[in-house]
Protein backbone atom coordinates (compact mmCIF):
# COMPACT_ATOMS: atom_id res chain seq x y z
CA LEU A 1 0.00 0.00 0.00
CA ALA A 2 0.95 3.64 -0.30
CA SER A 3 3.65 4.91 2.04
CA SER A 4 5.49 8.19 2.30
CA THR A 5 8.82 6.39 2.78
CA LYS A 6 8.62 3.90 -0.09
CA LYS A 7 7.69 4.05 -3.75
CA SER A 8 3.93 3.88 -4.15
CA PRO A 9 2.40 0.91 -6.04
CA PHE A 10 0.90 3.59 -8.28
CA TYR A 11 4.26 3.86 -10.05
CA SER A 12 4.61 0.09 -10.50
CA ILE A 13 1.13 -0.14 -11.99
CA LEU A 14 1.57 2.75 -14.41
CA ASN A 15 5.10 1.64 -15.30
CA VAL A 16 3.43 -1.03 -17.44
CA PHE A 17 2.55 1.71 -19.93
CA VAL A 18 5.98 3.36 -20.07
CA THR A 19 7.98 2.92 -23.28
CA LYS A 20 11.17 4.44 -24.65
CA ASN A 21 9.04 7.07 -26.39
CA ALA A 22 8.36 9.62 -23.60
CA THR A 23 5.64 11.50 -25.46
CA GLN A 24 3.74 8.34 -26.29
CA SER A 25 4.11 7.09 -22.70
CA VAL A 26 2.70 10.30 -21.22
CA LEU A 27 -0.22 10.18 -23.65
CA ILE A 28 -0.97 6.54 -22.81
CA LEU A 29 -0.72 7.25 -19.07
CA ARG A 30 -3.12 10.17 -19.38
CA ILE A 31 -5.58 8.13 -21.44
CA PHE A 32 -5.40 5.27 -18.90
CA ASN A 33 -6.04 7.62 -15.97
CA SER A 34 -8.89 9.27 -17.88
CA PHE A 35 -10.37 5.82 -18.53
CA ILE A 36 -10.22 5.01 -14.80
CA SER A 37 -11.96 8.33 -14.03
CA VAL A 38 -14.70 7.63 -16.55
CA LEU A 39 -15.12 4.09 -15.20
CA VAL A 40 -15.55 5.30 -11.61
CA PHE A 41 -17.92 8.11 -12.63
CA PHE A 42 -19.96 5.65 -14.71
CA ALA A 43 -20.20 3.33 -11.68
CA LEU A 44 -21.48 6.19 -9.53
CA LEU A 45 -24.18 7.10 -12.02
CA TYR A 46 -25.10 3.56 -13.06
CA PHE A 47 -25.42 2.13 -9.55
CA GLY A 48 -26.81 5.28 -7.96
CA THR A 49 -30.35 6.21 -7.14
CA ASN A 50 -31.67 9.66 -8.02
CA ARG A 51 -30.65 11.01 -4.62
CA SER A 52 -27.15 9.50 -4.65
CA ARG A 53 -26.63 10.62 -8.25
CA ILE A 54 -27.25 14.20 -7.17
CA ALA A 55 -24.81 13.72 -4.28
CA SER A 56 -22.25 12.17 -6.64
CA ILE A 57 -22.51 14.92 -9.20
CA SER A 58 -22.37 17.57 -6.46
CA ALA A 59 -19.29 16.00 -4.86
CA TRP A 60 -17.54 15.68 -8.20
CA THR A 61 -18.49 19.22 -9.22
CA PHE A 62 -17.31 20.84 -5.98
CA THR A 63 -14.11 18.80 -6.05
CA ILE A 64 -13.36 19.09 -9.75
CA VAL A 65 -13.90 22.78 -10.32
CA PRO A 66 -10.84 24.19 -8.56
CA ILE A 67 -8.14 21.58 -9.16
CA ILE A 68 -9.21 18.19 -10.43
CA ILE A 69 -9.71 18.93 -14.10
CA ALA A 70 -5.97 19.46 -14.39
CA THR A 71 -5.11 16.43 -12.27
CA LEU A 72 -7.25 13.33 -13.01
CA TRP A 73 -5.56 12.48 -16.28
CA GLN A 74 -2.02 13.26 -15.10
CA PRO A 75 0.41 10.44 -14.41
CA ASN A 76 0.89 11.14 -10.69
CA PRO A 77 -0.53 9.53 -7.53
CA ARG A 78 -2.61 12.58 -6.65
CA SER A 79 -5.05 11.79 -9.47
CA TRP A 80 -5.96 8.40 -8.01
CA GLY A 81 -6.16 9.87 -4.52
CA TYR A 82 -8.65 12.54 -5.58
CA LEU A 83 -10.69 10.05 -7.56
CA SER A 84 -10.97 7.73 -4.56
CA VAL A 85 -11.85 10.45 -2.06
CA MET A 86 -14.54 11.81 -4.41
CA SER A 87 -16.12 8.44 -5.12
CA SER A 88 -15.59 5.75 -2.50
CA TRP A 89 -18.01 7.19 0.06
CA ILE A 90 -20.90 7.51 -2.38
CA LEU A 91 -20.31 4.03 -3.80
CA LEU A 92 -20.47 2.68 -0.23
CA HIS A 93 -23.66 4.65 0.39
CA ILE A 94 -25.26 3.22 -2.74
CA ALA A 95 -24.15 -0.32 -1.82
CA LEU A 96 -25.56 -0.06 1.70
CA SER A 97 -28.85 1.55 0.62
CA LYS A 98 -31.87 -0.58 0.08
CA ASN A 99 -32.16 -1.13 -3.62
CA ASP A 100 -33.68 -3.67 -5.93
CA PHE A 101 -30.47 -4.47 -7.79
CA LYS A 102 -29.98 -7.90 -9.24
CA LYS A 103 -27.25 -9.93 -7.59
CA THR A 104 -24.76 -9.31 -10.42
CA LYS A 105 -25.31 -5.56 -10.27
CA GLN A 106 -24.86 -5.64 -6.48
CA ILE A 107 -21.60 -7.59 -6.84
CA CYS A 108 -20.36 -5.17 -9.51
CA LEU A 109 -21.20 -2.26 -7.17
CA TRP A 110 -19.09 -3.76 -4.35
CA ILE A 111 -16.28 -4.35 -6.85
CA ALA A 112 -16.49 -0.69 -7.94
CA PHE A 113 -16.37 0.41 -4.29
CA THR A 114 -13.36 -1.82 -3.58
CA PHE A 115 -11.61 -0.59 -6.73
CA SER A 116 -12.26 3.02 -5.71
CA LEU A 117 -10.72 2.39 -2.28
CA LEU A 118 -7.74 0.62 -3.82
CA LEU A 119 -7.02 3.73 -5.87
CA ALA A 120 -6.34 5.59 -2.61
CA PHE A 121 -4.57 2.71 -0.89
CA THR A 122 -2.14 2.27 -3.77
CA SER A 123 -1.43 5.94 -4.34
CA ARG A 124 -1.35 8.22 -1.29
CA VAL A 125 -1.50 7.85 2.48
CA ASP A 126 -3.49 11.06 2.93
CA ALA A 127 -6.08 9.94 0.38
CA SER A 128 -6.34 6.60 2.17
CA LEU A 129 -7.00 8.38 5.46
CA PHE A 130 -9.63 10.66 3.92
CA SER A 131 -11.36 7.76 2.16
CA ILE A 132 -11.45 5.65 5.33
CA PHE A 133 -12.79 8.59 7.32
CA ALA A 134 -15.52 9.43 4.78
CA CYS A 135 -16.55 5.78 4.42
CA GLY A 136 -16.61 5.45 8.21
CA ILE A 137 -19.07 8.33 8.45
CA VAL A 138 -21.26 6.77 5.75
CA LEU A 139 -21.15 3.39 7.52
CA ALA A 140 -22.01 4.95 10.91
CA ALA A 141 -24.93 6.88 9.37
CA HIS A 142 -26.19 3.69 7.72
CA LEU A 143 -25.95 1.73 10.98
CA PHE A 144 -27.81 4.51 12.83
CA LYS A 145 -30.52 4.55 10.19
CA GLU A 146 -30.91 0.77 10.39
CA GLY A 147 -31.09 0.93 14.18
CA ARG A 148 -28.05 -1.32 14.55
CA LEU A 149 -25.97 1.40 16.20
CA LYS A 150 -27.00 3.28 19.32
CA PRO A 151 -25.35 6.49 20.57
CA LYS A 152 -23.59 4.65 23.42
CA GLN A 153 -22.23 2.07 20.98
CA LEU A 154 -21.02 4.88 18.70
CA VAL A 155 -19.12 6.48 21.58
CA ILE A 156 -17.51 3.13 22.47
CA ALA A 157 -16.71 2.28 18.83
CA SER A 158 -15.33 5.80 18.22
CA SER A 159 -13.16 5.51 21.32
CA ILE A 160 -11.82 2.14 20.19
CA PHE A 161 -11.23 3.46 16.66
CA LEU A 162 -9.45 6.51 18.04
CA ALA A 163 -7.26 4.36 20.30
CA VAL A 164 -6.35 2.04 17.40
CA PHE A 165 -5.69 5.03 15.14
CA LEU A 166 -3.43 6.68 17.74
CA MET A 167 -1.56 3.40 18.20
CA VAL A 168 -1.07 3.01 14.44
CA ARG A 169 -0.10 6.69 14.22
CA PHE A 170 2.49 6.15 16.94
CA LEU A 171 3.97 3.19 15.03
CA SER A 172 3.77 4.63 11.50
CA THR A 173 5.95 7.58 10.61
CA SER A 174 4.04 8.21 7.39
CA ILE A 175 0.66 8.47 9.15
CA LYS A 176 2.27 10.57 11.87
CA TRP A 177 3.60 12.95 9.23
CA TYR A 178 0.23 13.26 7.45
CA THR A 179 -1.73 13.78 10.68
CA GLN A 180 0.51 16.34 12.37
CA PHE A 181 -1.03 19.59 13.50
CA SER A 182 0.77 22.62 14.84
CA PHE A 183 -1.19 24.85 17.19
CA ASN A 184 1.66 27.36 17.08
CA ALA A 185 1.19 27.83 13.34
CA VAL A 186 -2.55 28.42 13.83
CA PHE A 187 -2.41 30.80 16.79
CA SER A 188 0.76 32.76 16.06
C-alpha cells in the first residue's frame, strides 16, 4: 500500500505503460487515468439512485472545479487519490442503501467500491486516510438509520477506533507525518 517512505504501487502499476518514447508514454498514461476516471464516474451514475446521483454529481463538481480537471488524467498519484476520495463514500452509500439491484449488479457495485478504495490505498497515504474517514461516516450513518448502532455504541466504537488510530499513528511515521497539526502555526 501507499507509504510516504517507499515508492507507491501507483508507479509500479503505471510503469506497465511506459515505453522508450516519452511523449507516447505520457499520452498513454493520461488516457489510462482518464479511462479510470470515466469508469468510476460511470459506476457512480449507473449504480446510484436519483438522490445518490445528485450527491455524486455535487461532490464531483465541488471537487473538480478548482483543481481536479488538471489532475485526473495526469500520471501522478494525486489523481488516483482525488478520484478515490470523491467516489468511495458515495459508492459505499449506494451499496448499503436498500435497492432492488440484481445480484450481479450488487456484486459489480461492491467491486467498484473496492476498486475506488484501492485507488487511494495504492497511491497516497493522505487519500487513504480521507477515504477511510468518509466511508466510516457513511457506515455509521447507515448503521444509525438501520437501528443497529446506538449512541452509546457509537461512543464506544469511536473511542476504540481513536485508540487504534493513535496506536497506528504512533507506530507509523508516514501516518504521523500526514496527521501532524501545529497549534503554534494556527495561533501565532
